[in-house]
C-alpha atoms as a PDB file:
ATOM      1  CA  MET A   1      -0.182   0.051  -0.291  1.00  0.00           C
ATOM      2  CA  GLU A   2       1.521   3.604  -0.922  1.00  0.00           C
ATOM      3  CA  GLY A   3       2.165   5.714   1.768  1.00  0.00           C
ATOM      4  CA  THR A   4      -0.553   8.061   1.083  1.00  0.00           C
ATOM      5  CA  GLU A   5      -2.858   5.135   1.822  1.00  0.00           C
ATOM      6  CA  VAL A   6      -1.863   4.508   4.883  1.00  0.00           C
ATOM      7  CA  ARG A   7      -1.830   8.155   5.881  1.00  0.00           C
ATOM      8  CA  LYS A   8      -5.366   8.044   4.839  1.00  0.00           C
ATOM      9  CA  LEU A   9      -6.150   5.253   6.303  1.00  0.00           C
ATOM     10  CA  ALA A  10      -4.551   6.219   9.989  1.00  0.00           C
ATOM     11  CA  ALA A  11      -6.343   9.711   9.846  1.00  0.00           C
ATOM     12  CA  LEU A  12     -10.074   7.579   8.729  1.00  0.00           C
ATOM     13  CA  GLU A  13      -9.549   4.333  11.378  1.00  0.00           C
ATOM     14  CA  GLY A  14     -10.734   6.061  14.265  1.00  0.00           C
ATOM     15  CA  THR A  15     -13.612   6.840  13.223  1.00  0.00           C
ATOM     16  CA  HIS A  16     -14.466   4.824  10.156  1.00  0.00           C
ATOM     17  CA  TRP A  17     -17.190   1.669  10.450  1.00  0.00           C
ATOM     18  CA  TRP A  18     -15.003  -0.462   8.645  1.00  0.00           C
ATOM     19  CA  TYR A  19     -12.452  -0.076  10.659  1.00  0.00           C
ATOM     20  CA  ARG A  20     -14.042   0.254  13.963  1.00  0.00           C
ATOM     21  CA  GLU A  21     -15.426  -3.287  13.225  1.00  0.00           C
ATOM     22  CA  ARG A  22     -12.344  -4.895  12.355  1.00  0.00           C
ATOM     23  CA  ARG A  23     -11.342  -4.089  15.682  1.00  0.00           C
ATOM     24  CA  HIS A  24     -14.153  -4.797  17.344  1.00  0.00           C
ATOM     25  CA  LEU A  25     -13.959  -8.666  15.896  1.00  0.00           C
ATOM     26  CA  LEU A  26     -10.194  -8.890  16.617  1.00  0.00           C
ATOM     27  CA  ALA A  27     -11.013  -7.601  20.143  1.00  0.00           C
ATOM     28  CA  ARG A  28     -13.933 -10.590  19.831  1.00  0.00           C
ATOM     29  CA  GLN A  29     -11.109 -13.303  18.888  1.00  0.00           C
ATOM     30  CA  LEU A  30      -8.944 -12.384  21.854  1.00  0.00           C
ATOM     31  CA  ARG A  31     -11.820 -13.625  24.324  1.00  0.00           C
ATOM     32  CA  GLY A  32     -10.218 -16.711  26.050  1.00  0.00           C
ATOM     33  CA  LEU A  33      -6.906 -16.089  25.227  1.00  0.00           C
ATOM     34  CA  ILE A  34      -3.806 -15.657  27.420  1.00  0.00           C
ATOM     35  CA  PRO A  35      -2.403 -12.565  27.146  1.00  0.00           C
ATOM     36  CA  GLY A  36       1.149 -13.202  25.888  1.00  0.00           C
ATOM     37  CA  ARG A  37       4.009 -12.398  23.250  1.00  0.00           C
ATOM     38  CA  ALA A  38       2.018 -11.266  19.995  1.00  0.00           C
ATOM     39  CA  LEU A  39       2.703  -9.610  16.304  1.00  0.00           C
ATOM     40  CA  ASP A  40       1.055  -7.792  14.222  1.00  0.00           C
ATOM     41  CA  VAL A  41       2.239  -8.559  10.666  1.00  0.00           C
ATOM     42  CA  GLY A  42       1.507  -5.788   8.621  1.00  0.00           C
ATOM     43  CA  ALA A  43       0.248  -3.316  10.770  1.00  0.00           C
ATOM     44  CA  ALA A  44       0.194  -0.446   8.329  1.00  0.00           C
ATOM     45  CA  GLY A  45      -0.488   2.314  11.184  1.00  0.00           C
ATOM     46  CA  GLY A  46      -0.933   0.234  14.128  1.00  0.00           C
ATOM     47  CA  GLY A  47      -4.465   0.165  14.767  1.00  0.00           C
ATOM     48  CA  ASN A  48      -5.270  -3.526  15.292  1.00  0.00           C
ATOM     49  CA  THR A  49      -1.796  -3.275  17.482  1.00  0.00           C
ATOM     50  CA  ARG A  50      -3.221  -0.866  19.856  1.00  0.00           C
ATOM     51  CA  VAL A  51      -5.884  -3.393  20.403  1.00  0.00           C
ATOM     52  CA  LEU A  52      -3.867  -5.927  21.001  1.00  0.00           C
ATOM     53  CA  ARG A  53      -1.756  -4.101  23.595  1.00  0.00           C
ATOM     54  CA  ASP A  54      -5.283  -2.851  25.423  1.00  0.00           C
ATOM     55  CA  HIS A  55      -5.682  -6.192  26.013  1.00  0.00           C
ATOM     56  CA  GLY A  56      -3.029  -7.253  27.835  1.00  0.00           C
ATOM     57  CA  TRP A  57      -0.514  -8.525  24.779  1.00  0.00           C
ATOM     58  CA  ASP A  58       3.245  -7.643  24.507  1.00  0.00           C
ATOM     59  CA  ALA A  59       2.934  -6.690  20.977  1.00  0.00           C
ATOM     60  CA  VAL A  60       4.670  -5.354  18.287  1.00  0.00           C
ATOM     61  CA  ALA A  61       4.055  -3.818  15.265  1.00  0.00           C
ATOM     62  CA  LEU A  62       5.182  -5.353  12.031  1.00  0.00           C
ATOM     63  CA  GLU A  63       5.092  -3.406   9.072  1.00  0.00           C
ATOM     64  CA  TYR A  64       6.497  -3.842   5.299  1.00  0.00           C
ATOM     65  CA  GLY A  65       6.140  -0.001   4.200  1.00  0.00           C
ATOM     66  CA  ALA A  66       8.228   3.093   5.627  1.00  0.00           C
ATOM     67  CA  GLU A  67       5.053   4.788   5.929  1.00  0.00           C
ATOM     68  CA  GLY A  68       3.141   2.614   7.880  1.00  0.00           C
ATOM     69  CA  ALA A  69       5.681   1.821  10.150  1.00  0.00           C
ATOM     70  CA  ALA A  70       6.222   5.605  10.439  1.00  0.00           C
ATOM     71  CA  VAL A  71       3.131   6.157  11.878  1.00  0.00           C
ATOM     72  CA  ALA A  72       2.674   3.463  14.211  1.00  0.00           C
ATOM     73  CA  ARG A  73       6.368   4.915  15.948  1.00  0.00           C
ATOM     74  CA  GLU A  74       4.325   8.007  16.038  1.00  0.00           C
ATOM     75  CA  ARG A  75       1.976   6.465  17.937  1.00  0.00           C
ATOM     76  CA  GLY A  76       4.334   4.695  20.650  1.00  0.00           C
ATOM     77  CA  LEU A  77       4.334   1.210  19.603  1.00  0.00           C
ATOM     78  CA  ALA A  78       6.830  -0.918  19.025  1.00  0.00           C
ATOM     79  CA  VAL A  79       7.787  -1.542  15.171  1.00  0.00           C
ATOM     80  CA  VAL A  80       9.981  -3.296  12.887  1.00  0.00           C
ATOM     81  CA  ARG A  81      10.026  -3.144   9.453  1.00  0.00           C
ATOM     82  CA  ALA A  82      10.681  -6.345   7.690  1.00  0.00           C
ATOM     83  CA  ASP A  83       8.716  -8.927   5.044  1.00  0.00           C
ATOM     84  CA  ALA A  84       5.634 -11.126   6.052  1.00  0.00           C
ATOM     85  CA  THR A  85       7.422 -13.724   4.147  1.00  0.00           C
ATOM     86  CA  ALA A  86      11.071 -13.587   6.356  1.00  0.00           C
ATOM     87  CA  LEU A  87       9.887 -12.473   9.806  1.00  0.00           C
ATOM     88  CA  PRO A  88      12.741 -11.489  11.860  1.00  0.00           C
ATOM     89  CA  VAL A  89      11.660 -13.973  15.261  1.00  0.00           C
ATOM     90  CA  ALA A  90      12.306 -16.617  16.696  1.00  0.00           C
ATOM     91  CA  PRO A  91      11.564 -19.882  16.064  1.00  0.00           C
ATOM     92  CA  ALA A  92       8.353 -21.066  18.585  1.00  0.00           C
ATOM     93  CA  SER A  93       8.521 -17.738  20.439  1.00  0.00           C
ATOM     94  CA  LEU A  94       4.957 -15.859  19.368  1.00  0.00           C
ATOM     95  CA  ASP A  95       1.899 -16.999  21.299  1.00  0.00           C
ATOM     96  CA  LEU A  96      -0.486 -14.916  18.789  1.00  0.00           C
ATOM     97  CA  VAL A  97       0.350 -13.561  15.363  1.00  0.00           C
ATOM     98  CA  VAL A  98      -2.922 -11.592  13.596  1.00  0.00           C
ATOM     99  CA  ALA A  99      -2.364 -10.922  10.020  1.00  0.00           C
ATOM    100  CA  PHE A 100      -5.847  -8.495   9.035  1.00  0.00           C
ATOM    101  CA  ASP A 101      -5.970  -7.486   5.687  1.00  0.00           C
ATOM    102  CA  ILE A 102      -1.856  -8.896   4.566  1.00  0.00           C
ATOM    103  CA  LEU A 103      -2.117 -11.711   2.864  1.00  0.00           C
ATOM    104  CA  GLU A 104      -3.873 -10.598  -0.302  1.00  0.00           C
ATOM    105  CA  HIS A 105      -1.242  -8.569  -1.119  1.00  0.00           C
ATOM    106  CA  ILE A 106       1.929 -11.038  -1.068  1.00  0.00           C
ATOM    107  CA  PRO A 107       2.547 -13.070  -4.352  1.00  0.00           C
ATOM    108  CA  ASP A 108       3.713 -15.993  -2.147  1.00  0.00           C
ATOM    109  CA  ASP A 109       1.167 -16.277   0.637  1.00  0.00           C
ATOM    110  CA  ASP A 110       1.914 -19.732   1.139  1.00  0.00           C
ATOM    111  CA  ALA A 111       5.028 -18.422   2.467  1.00  0.00           C
ATOM    112  CA  ALA A 112       3.953 -15.883   4.716  1.00  0.00           C
ATOM    113  CA  VAL A 113       1.640 -18.672   6.433  1.00  0.00           C
ATOM    114  CA  ALA A 114       4.682 -21.054   6.658  1.00  0.00           C
ATOM    115  CA  GLU A 115       6.603 -18.071   8.409  1.00  0.00           C
ATOM    116  CA  ALA A 116       3.554 -17.365  10.940  1.00  0.00           C
ATOM    117  CA  HIS A 117       3.256 -21.001  11.561  1.00  0.00           C
ATOM    118  CA  ARG A 118       7.357 -21.127  12.493  1.00  0.00           C
ATOM    119  CA  VAL A 119       7.007 -17.998  14.366  1.00  0.00           C
ATOM    120  CA  LEU A 120       4.391 -19.541  16.951  1.00  0.00           C
ATOM    121  CA  ARG A 121       4.786 -21.885  19.746  1.00  0.00           C
ATOM    122  CA  PRO A 122       2.974 -25.179  19.577  1.00  0.00           C
ATOM    123  CA  GLY A 123      -0.931 -24.359  20.610  1.00  0.00           C
ATOM    124  CA  GLY A 124      -0.424 -20.946  19.114  1.00  0.00           C
ATOM    125  CA  THR A 125      -3.204 -18.918  17.354  1.00  0.00           C
ATOM    126  CA  PHE A 126      -2.868 -17.003  14.211  1.00  0.00           C
ATOM    127  CA  LEU A 127      -5.763 -14.434  13.183  1.00  0.00           C
ATOM    128  CA  VAL A 128      -5.916 -13.858   9.170  1.00  0.00           C
ATOM    129  CA  ALA A 129      -8.725 -11.576   7.809  1.00  0.00           C
ATOM    130  CA  VAL A 130      -8.780 -10.889   3.577  1.00  0.00           C
ATOM    131  CA  PRO A 131     -10.767  -9.843   1.248  1.00  0.00           C
ATOM    132  CA  ALA A 132     -13.393 -12.194  -0.233  1.00  0.00           C
ATOM    133  CA  ASP A 133     -15.206 -13.299  -3.514  1.00  0.00           C
ATOM    134  CA  PRO A 134     -12.734 -12.773  -6.879  1.00  0.00           C
ATOM    135  CA  ARG A 135     -16.366 -11.889  -8.482  1.00  0.00           C
ATOM    136  CA  LEU A 136     -15.371  -7.926  -5.867  1.00  0.00           C
ATOM    137  CA  TRP A 137     -12.362  -7.732  -7.563  1.00  0.00           C
ATOM    138  CA  SER A 138     -12.521  -3.840  -8.730  1.00  0.00           C
ATOM    139  CA  ALA A 139     -10.621  -0.778  -9.218  1.00  0.00           C
ATOM    140  CA  HIS A 140     -10.203  -0.462  -5.200  1.00  0.00           C
ATOM    141  CA  ASP A 141      -8.058  -3.408  -5.003  1.00  0.00           C
ATOM    142  CA  VAL A 142      -5.899  -2.555  -7.549  1.00  0.00           C
ATOM    143  CA  ALA A 143      -4.908   0.901  -5.686  1.00  0.00           C
ATOM    144  CA  VAL A 144      -4.394  -0.674  -2.726  1.00  0.00           C
ATOM    145  CA  ASP A 145      -2.348  -3.063  -3.945  1.00  0.00           C
ATOM    146  CA  HIS A 146      -3.799  -6.704  -3.927  1.00  0.00           C
ATOM    147  CA  VAL A 147      -2.775  -9.426  -5.759  1.00  0.00           C
ATOM    148  CA  ARG A 148      -6.417 -11.549  -5.000  1.00  0.00           C
ATOM    149  CA  ARG A 149      -9.325 -11.799  -3.473  1.00  0.00           C
ATOM    150  CA  TYR A 150     -10.048 -15.152  -1.536  1.00  0.00           C
ATOM    151  CA  THR A 151     -12.656 -17.949  -1.759  1.00  0.00           C
ATOM    152  CA  ARG A 152     -13.358 -19.641   1.770  1.00  0.00           C
ATOM    153  CA  SER A 153     -12.090 -22.621   0.501  1.00  0.00           C
ATOM    154  CA  GLN A 154      -8.778 -20.991  -1.268  1.00  0.00           C
ATOM    155  CA  LEU A 155      -7.808 -19.273   2.029  1.00  0.00           C
ATOM    156  CA  LEU A 156      -8.626 -22.839   4.120  1.00  0.00           C
ATOM    157  CA  ALA A 157      -6.440 -24.771   1.682  1.00  0.00           C
ATOM    158  CA  VAL A 158      -3.602 -22.250   2.298  1.00  0.00           C
ATOM    159  CA  LEU A 159      -3.935 -22.309   6.286  1.00  0.00           C
ATOM    160  CA  GLU A 160      -3.925 -26.094   5.944  1.00  0.00           C
ATOM    161  CA  ARG A 161      -1.003 -26.146   3.869  1.00  0.00           C
ATOM    162  CA  GLY A 162       0.811 -24.375   6.379  1.00  0.00           C
ATOM    163  CA  GLY A 163       0.394 -26.471   8.831  1.00  0.00           C
ATOM    164  CA  PHE A 164      -2.533 -24.758  10.676  1.00  0.00           C
ATOM    165  CA  THR A 165      -5.685 -26.912  12.175  1.00  0.00           C
ATOM    166  CA  ILE A 166      -8.329 -24.152  11.181  1.00  0.00           C
ATOM    167  CA  GLU A 167     -10.676 -23.324  14.195  1.00  0.00           C
ATOM    168  CA  THR A 168     -13.635 -21.080  12.927  1.00  0.00           C
ATOM    169  CA  ALA A 169     -13.922 -19.388   9.751  1.00  0.00           C
ATOM    170  CA  ARG A 170     -16.773 -16.826   8.849  1.00  0.00           C
ATOM    171  CA  SER A 171     -17.968 -13.909   6.459  1.00  0.00           C
ATOM    172  CA  TRP A 172     -18.235 -10.645   7.743  1.00  0.00           C
ATOM    173  CA  ASN A 173     -19.861  -7.301   5.857  1.00  0.00           C
ATOM    174  CA  VAL A 174     -22.553  -9.894   4.252  1.00  0.00           C
ATOM    175  CA  LEU A 175     -25.241  -7.304   4.635  1.00  0.00           C
ATOM    176  CA  LEU A 176     -23.613  -4.667   2.848  1.00  0.00           C
ATOM    177  CA  ARG A 177     -21.870  -6.902   0.109  1.00  0.00           C
ATOM    178  CA  PRO A 178     -24.890  -5.808  -2.599  1.00  0.00           C
ATOM    179  CA  VAL A 179     -23.708  -2.439  -1.694  1.00  0.00           C
ATOM    180  CA  VAL A 180     -20.461  -2.852  -2.403  1.00  0.00           C
ATOM    181  CA  ALA A 181     -20.587  -5.243  -5.049  1.00  0.00           C
ATOM    182  CA  LEU A 182     -22.385  -2.588  -6.700  1.00  0.00           C
ATOM    183  CA  ARG A 183     -20.697   0.192  -5.970  1.00  0.00           C
ATOM    184  CA  ARG A 184     -17.552  -1.339  -7.459  1.00  0.00           C
ATOM    185  CA  ARG A 185     -18.303  -1.407 -10.584  1.00  0.00           C
ATOM    186  CA  SER A 186     -18.156   1.969 -11.013  1.00  0.00           C
ATOM    187  CA  SER A 187     -15.228   2.411  -8.975  1.00  0.00           C
ATOM    188  CA  SER A 188     -12.372   4.533 -10.213  1.00  0.00           C
ATOM    189  CA  GLY A 189     -10.110   4.127  -7.231  1.00  0.00           C
ATOM    190  CA  SER A 190      -9.915   3.322  -3.420  1.00  0.00           C
ATOM    191  CA  ASP A 191     -13.144   3.043  -1.185  1.00  0.00           C
ATOM    192  CA  LEU A 192     -10.491   4.788   1.616  1.00  0.00           C
ATOM    193  CA  GLU A 193     -12.857   8.027   2.233  1.00  0.00           C
ATOM    194  CA  ASP A 194     -13.783  10.530   4.465  1.00  0.00           C
ATOM    195  CA  LEU A 195     -17.514   9.805   4.505  1.00  0.00           C
ATOM    196  CA  HIS A 196     -20.478  11.899   5.521  1.00  0.00           C
ATOM    197  CA  PRO A 197     -21.311  11.231   9.484  1.00  0.00           C
ATOM    198  CA  VAL A 198     -24.794  10.500   8.790  1.00  0.00           C
ATOM    199  CA  VAL A 199     -23.708   8.033   6.142  1.00  0.00           C
ATOM    200  CA  ASN A 200     -20.835   6.759   8.466  1.00  0.00           C
ATOM    201  CA  PHE A 201     -23.508   5.967  11.300  1.00  0.00           C
ATOM    202  CA  GLY A 202     -26.041   4.350   9.059  1.00  0.00           C
ATOM    203  CA  LEU A 203     -23.442   1.955   7.670  1.00  0.00           C
ATOM    204  CA  ARG A 204     -21.933   1.178  11.634  1.00  0.00           C
ATOM    205  CA  ALA A 205     -25.343   0.552  12.428  1.00  0.00           C
ATOM    206  CA  ILE A 206     -25.967  -1.679   9.783  1.00  0.00           C
ATOM    207  CA  ILE A 207     -22.747  -3.607  10.168  1.00  0.00           C
ATOM    208  CA  THR A 208     -23.545  -3.412  14.365  1.00  0.00           C
ATOM    209  CA  ALA A 209     -26.722  -5.358  13.811  1.00  0.00           C
ATOM    210  CA  GLU A 210     -24.742  -8.909  11.559  1.00  0.00           C
ATOM    211  CA  ARG A 211     -23.026  -9.415  15.320  1.00  0.00           C
ATOM    212  CA  TYR A 212     -26.334 -10.614  16.163  1.00  0.00           C
ATOM    213  CA  LEU A 213     -27.865 -12.288  12.932  1.00  0.00           C
ATOM    214  CA  PRO A 214     -26.700 -15.478  11.831  1.00  0.00           C
ATOM    215  CA  VAL A 215     -25.164 -14.965   8.519  1.00  0.00           C
ATOM    216  CA  ASP A 216     -21.710 -15.422   8.940  1.00  0.00           C
ATOM    217  CA  GLY A 217     -22.127 -18.513   6.782  1.00  0.00           C
ATOM    218  CA  TRP A 218     -23.331 -16.115   4.473  1.00  0.00           C
ATOM    219  CA  PRO A 219     -20.953 -14.518   1.430  1.00  0.00           C
ATOM    220  CA  GLY A 220     -19.777 -11.461   2.305  1.00  0.00           C
ATOM    221  CA  VAL A 221     -16.865  -8.770   1.581  1.00  0.00           C
ATOM    222  CA  SER A 222     -14.419 -10.382   3.936  1.00  0.00           C
ATOM    223  CA  LEU A 223     -13.258 -13.538   5.695  1.00  0.00           C
ATOM    224  CA  LEU A 224     -12.149 -14.116   9.283  1.00  0.00           C
ATOM    225  CA  VAL A 225     -10.642 -17.521  10.487  1.00  0.00           C
ATOM    226  CA  ARG A 226      -9.439 -18.475  13.485  1.00  0.00           C
ATOM    227  CA  ALA A 227      -6.407 -21.487  12.752  1.00  0.00           C
ATOM    228  CA  ARG A 228      -4.059 -23.048  15.615  1.00  0.00           C
ATOM    229  CA  ARG A 229      -0.697 -24.207  15.163  1.00  0.00           C
ATOM    230  CA  GLY A 230      -0.469 -28.184  16.059  1.00  0.00           C
ATOM    231  CA  ASP A 231       1.769 -29.346  18.984  1.00  0.00           C
END
Protein backbone atom coordinates (compact mmCIF):
# COMPACT_ATOMS: atom_id res chain seq x y z
CA MET A 1 0.00 0.00 0.00
CA GLU A 2 1.34 3.44 -0.91
CA GLY A 3 2.32 5.88 1.80
CA THR A 4 -0.54 8.22 0.94
CA GLU A 5 -3.04 5.39 1.42
CA VAL A 6 -1.48 4.46 4.78
CA ARG A 7 -1.74 8.05 6.01
CA LYS A 8 -5.33 8.17 4.78
CA LEU A 9 -6.10 4.93 6.62
CA ALA A 10 -4.54 6.22 9.83
CA ALA A 11 -6.59 9.39 9.68
CA LEU A 12 -9.85 7.50 9.06
CA GLU A 13 -9.59 4.39 11.19
CA GLY A 14 -10.58 5.99 14.48
CA THR A 15 -14.13 6.71 13.34
CA HIS A 16 -14.68 4.86 10.05
CA TRP A 17 -17.34 2.17 10.37
CA TRP A 18 -15.28 -0.57 8.68
CA TYR A 19 -12.17 -0.13 10.79
CA ARG A 20 -14.17 0.15 13.99
CA GLU A 21 -15.91 -3.14 13.28
CA ARG A 22 -12.65 -4.84 12.37
CA ARG A 23 -11.18 -3.80 15.72
CA HIS A 24 -14.29 -5.18 17.43
CA LEU A 25 -13.87 -8.49 15.62
CA LEU A 26 -10.24 -8.68 16.69
CA ALA A 27 -11.13 -7.92 20.31
CA ARG A 28 -13.80 -10.63 20.22
CA GLN A 29 -11.27 -13.16 18.91
CA LEU A 30 -8.98 -12.35 21.85
CA ARG A 31 -11.55 -13.46 24.39
CA GLY A 32 -10.45 -16.59 26.16
CA LEU A 33 -6.82 -16.25 25.06
CA ILE A 34 -4.20 -15.72 27.75
CA PRO A 35 -2.20 -12.61 26.80
CA GLY A 36 1.39 -13.24 25.81
CA ARG A 37 3.70 -12.24 22.98
CA ALA A 38 1.99 -11.14 19.79
CA LEU A 39 2.98 -9.92 16.35
CA ASP A 40 0.69 -7.78 14.19
CA VAL A 41 1.86 -8.53 10.66
CA GLY A 42 1.18 -5.85 8.08
CA ALA A 43 0.21 -3.47 10.85
CA ALA A 44 0.13 -0.30 8.72
CA GLY A 45 -0.38 2.49 11.28
CA GLY A 46 -0.87 0.04 14.15
CA GLY A 47 -4.62 0.31 14.79
CA ASN A 48 -4.90 -3.41 15.53
CA THR A 49 -1.62 -3.42 17.45
CA ARG A 50 -3.20 -0.96 19.86
CA VAL A 51 -6.14 -3.34 20.34
CA LEU A 52 -3.69 -6.09 21.26
CA ARG A 53 -1.81 -3.83 23.65
CA ASP A 54 -5.04 -2.65 25.28
CA HIS A 55 -6.01 -6.29 25.91
CA GLY A 56 -2.77 -7.01 27.75
CA TRP A 57 -0.65 -8.42 24.96
CA ASP A 58 3.06 -7.70 24.55
CA ALA A 59 2.51 -6.69 20.95
CA VAL A 60 4.84 -5.57 18.18
CA ALA A 61 3.74 -4.00 14.91
CA LEU A 62 5.48 -5.45 11.87
CA GLU A 63 5.23 -3.28 8.77
CA TYR A 64 7.00 -3.47 5.43
CA GLY A 65 6.45 0.12 4.35
CA ALA A 66 8.31 3.10 5.77
CA GLU A 67 5.21 5.28 6.06
CA GLY A 68 3.16 2.75 8.00
CA ALA A 69 6.07 2.06 10.34
CA ALA A 70 6.49 5.79 10.91
CA VAL A 71 2.81 6.23 11.80
CA ALA A 72 2.95 3.31 14.24
CA ARG A 73 6.04 4.76 15.92
CA GLU A 74 4.33 8.14 16.18
CA ARG A 75 1.59 6.33 18.10
CA GLY A 76 4.13 5.00 20.60
CA LEU A 77 4.10 1.40 19.38
CA ALA A 78 6.99 -1.03 19.16
CA VAL A 79 7.67 -1.44 15.44
CA VAL A 80 9.78 -3.70 13.25
CA ARG A 81 10.18 -3.15 9.52
CA ALA A 82 10.34 -6.47 7.69
CA ASP A 83 8.80 -8.69 5.05
CA ALA A 84 5.97 -11.02 6.11
CA THR A 85 7.72 -13.86 4.26
CA ALA A 86 10.93 -13.43 6.31
CA LEU A 87 9.95 -12.55 9.87
CA PRO A 88 12.86 -11.45 12.09
CA VAL A 89 11.52 -13.56 14.97
CA ALA A 90 12.87 -16.68 16.66
CA PRO A 91 11.07 -19.98 16.01
CA ALA A 92 8.25 -20.93 18.39
CA SER A 93 8.56 -17.65 20.30
CA LEU A 94 5.09 -16.11 19.89
CA ASP A 95 1.67 -16.89 21.30
CA LEU A 96 -0.32 -15.01 18.68
CA VAL A 97 0.15 -13.77 15.12
CA VAL A 98 -2.41 -11.41 13.60
CA ALA A 99 -2.50 -10.90 9.83
CA PHE A 100 -5.53 -8.76 9.06
CA ASP A 101 -5.78 -7.76 5.42
CA ILE A 102 -2.19 -8.61 4.52
CA LEU A 103 -2.09 -12.02 2.77
CA GLU A 104 -3.90 -10.60 -0.25
CA HIS A 105 -0.96 -8.25 -0.82
CA ILE A 106 1.67 -11.03 -0.93
CA PRO A 107 2.31 -12.98 -4.15
CA ASP A 108 3.67 -15.96 -2.20
CA ASP A 109 1.04 -16.27 0.51
CA ASP A 110 2.20 -19.83 1.27
CA ALA A 111 5.57 -18.41 2.37
CA ALA A 112 3.88 -15.88 4.66
CA VAL A 113 1.72 -18.58 6.26
CA ALA A 114 4.77 -20.82 6.71
CA GLU A 115 6.55 -17.99 8.53
CA ALA A 116 3.60 -17.48 10.86
CA HIS A 117 3.68 -21.19 11.63
CA ARG A 118 7.43 -21.08 12.27
CA VAL A 119 7.32 -18.24 14.81
CA LEU A 120 4.27 -19.49 16.73
CA ARG A 121 4.72 -21.82 19.66
CA PRO A 122 2.84 -25.15 19.50
CA GLY A 123 -0.77 -24.35 20.24
CA GLY A 124 -0.31 -20.72 19.25
CA THR A 125 -3.09 -18.82 17.48
CA PHE A 126 -3.11 -17.32 13.99
CA LEU A 127 -5.83 -14.76 13.25
CA VAL A 128 -6.31 -13.99 9.56
CA ALA A 129 -8.65 -11.61 7.74
CA VAL A 130 -8.72 -11.21 3.97
CA PRO A 131 -10.96 -9.69 1.29
CA ALA A 132 -13.38 -12.27 -0.03
CA ASP A 133 -14.88 -13.23 -3.38
CA PRO A 134 -12.89 -12.70 -6.59
CA ARG A 135 -16.13 -11.51 -8.22
CA LEU A 136 -15.80 -8.30 -6.18
CA TRP A 137 -12.43 -7.46 -7.75
CA SER A 138 -12.39 -3.79 -8.74
CA ALA A 139 -10.32 -0.62 -9.03
CA HIS A 140 -10.28 -0.50 -5.23
CA ASP A 141 -8.21 -3.71 -5.13
CA VAL A 142 -5.78 -2.29 -7.67
CA ALA A 143 -5.47 1.01 -5.78
CA VAL A 144 -4.56 -0.72 -2.51
CA ASP A 145 -2.17 -3.22 -4.16
CA HIS A 146 -4.14 -6.43 -3.75
CA VAL A 147 -2.84 -9.50 -5.56
CA ARG A 148 -6.03 -11.52 -5.06
CA ARG A 149 -9.35 -11.85 -3.29
CA TYR A 150 -10.03 -15.22 -1.64
CA THR A 151 -12.77 -17.76 -1.71
CA ARG A 152 -13.30 -19.50 1.62
CA SER A 153 -11.87 -22.76 0.27
CA GLN A 154 -8.77 -21.00 -1.07
CA LEU A 155 -8.02 -19.36 2.26
CA LEU A 156 -8.55 -22.53 4.28
CA ALA A 157 -6.37 -24.46 1.85
CA VAL A 158 -3.39 -22.13 2.17
CA LEU A 159 -3.63 -22.23 5.97
CA GLU A 160 -3.92 -26.01 6.09
CA ARG A 161 -0.97 -26.39 3.70
CA GLY A 162 1.00 -24.27 6.13
CA GLY A 163 0.34 -26.70 8.97
CA PHE A 164 -2.56 -24.95 10.71
CA THR A 165 -5.73 -26.46 12.12
CA ILE A 166 -8.80 -24.34 11.39
CA GLU A 167 -10.82 -23.48 14.48
CA THR A 168 -13.36 -21.04 13.07
CA ALA A 169 -14.02 -19.48 9.67
CA ARG A 170 -16.64 -16.82 9.09
CA SER A 171 -17.70 -14.15 6.65
CA TRP A 172 -18.24 -10.58 7.72
CA ASN A 173 -19.57 -7.45 6.05
CA VAL A 174 -22.33 -9.71 4.74
CA LEU A 175 -25.33 -7.39 4.91
CA LEU A 176 -23.58 -4.68 2.92
CA ARG A 177 -22.20 -7.01 0.26
CA PRO A 178 -24.85 -6.04 -2.37
CA VAL A 179 -24.04 -2.36 -1.82
CA VAL A 180 -20.31 -2.99 -2.11
CA ALA A 181 -20.79 -5.06 -5.27
CA LEU A 182 -22.81 -2.27 -6.87
CA ARG A 183 -20.34 0.43 -5.87
CA ARG A 184 -17.32 -1.54 -7.05
CA ARG A 185 -18.74 -1.84 -10.57
CA SER A 186 -18.26 1.88 -11.11
CA SER A 187 -15.38 2.60 -8.73
CA SER A 188 -12.22 4.21 -10.05
CA GLY A 189 -9.97 3.99 -7.00
CA SER A 190 -9.69 3.14 -3.34
CA ASP A 191 -12.78 3.05 -1.10
CA LEU A 192 -10.77 4.76 1.65
CA GLU A 193 -12.54 8.05 2.08
CA ASP A 194 -13.92 10.31 4.75
CA LEU A 195 -17.67 9.71 4.86
CA HIS A 196 -20.40 12.13 5.88
CA PRO A 197 -21.14 11.47 9.57
CA VAL A 198 -24.74 10.45 8.82
CA VAL A 199 -23.63 7.94 6.19
CA ASN A 200 -20.90 6.62 8.48
CA PHE A 201 -23.41 6.22 11.33
CA GLY A 202 -25.85 4.35 9.09
CA LEU A 203 -23.23 1.92 7.83
CA ARG A 204 -21.94 1.42 11.35
CA ALA A 205 -25.47 0.56 12.52
CA ILE A 206 -25.83 -2.06 9.78
CA ILE A 207 -22.47 -3.69 10.41
CA THR A 208 -23.13 -3.70 14.16
CA ALA A 209 -26.49 -5.42 13.63
CA GLU A 210 -24.66 -8.17 11.77
CA ARG A 211 -23.04 -9.27 15.04
CA TYR A 212 -26.40 -10.58 16.23
CA LEU A 213 -27.59 -12.30 13.06
CA PRO A 214 -26.74 -15.85 11.86
CA VAL A 215 -25.21 -14.69 8.59
CA ASP A 216 -21.52 -15.49 9.01
CA GLY A 217 -21.84 -18.49 6.70
CA TRP A 218 -23.21 -16.36 3.86
CA PRO A 219 -21.05 -14.68 1.19
CA GLY A 220 -19.48 -11.51 2.54
CA VAL A 221 -16.92 -8.90 1.59
CA SER A 222 -14.31 -10.30 4.01
CA LEU A 223 -13.31 -13.58 5.62
CA LEU A 224 -12.03 -14.06 9.17
CA VAL A 225 -10.31 -17.26 10.25
CA ARG A 226 -8.92 -18.39 13.57
CA ALA A 227 -6.35 -21.16 13.23
CA ARG A 228 -4.03 -22.99 15.60
CA ARG A 229 -0.53 -24.35 15.22
CA GLY A 230 -0.52 -28.00 16.19
CA ASP A 231 1.81 -29.48 18.80
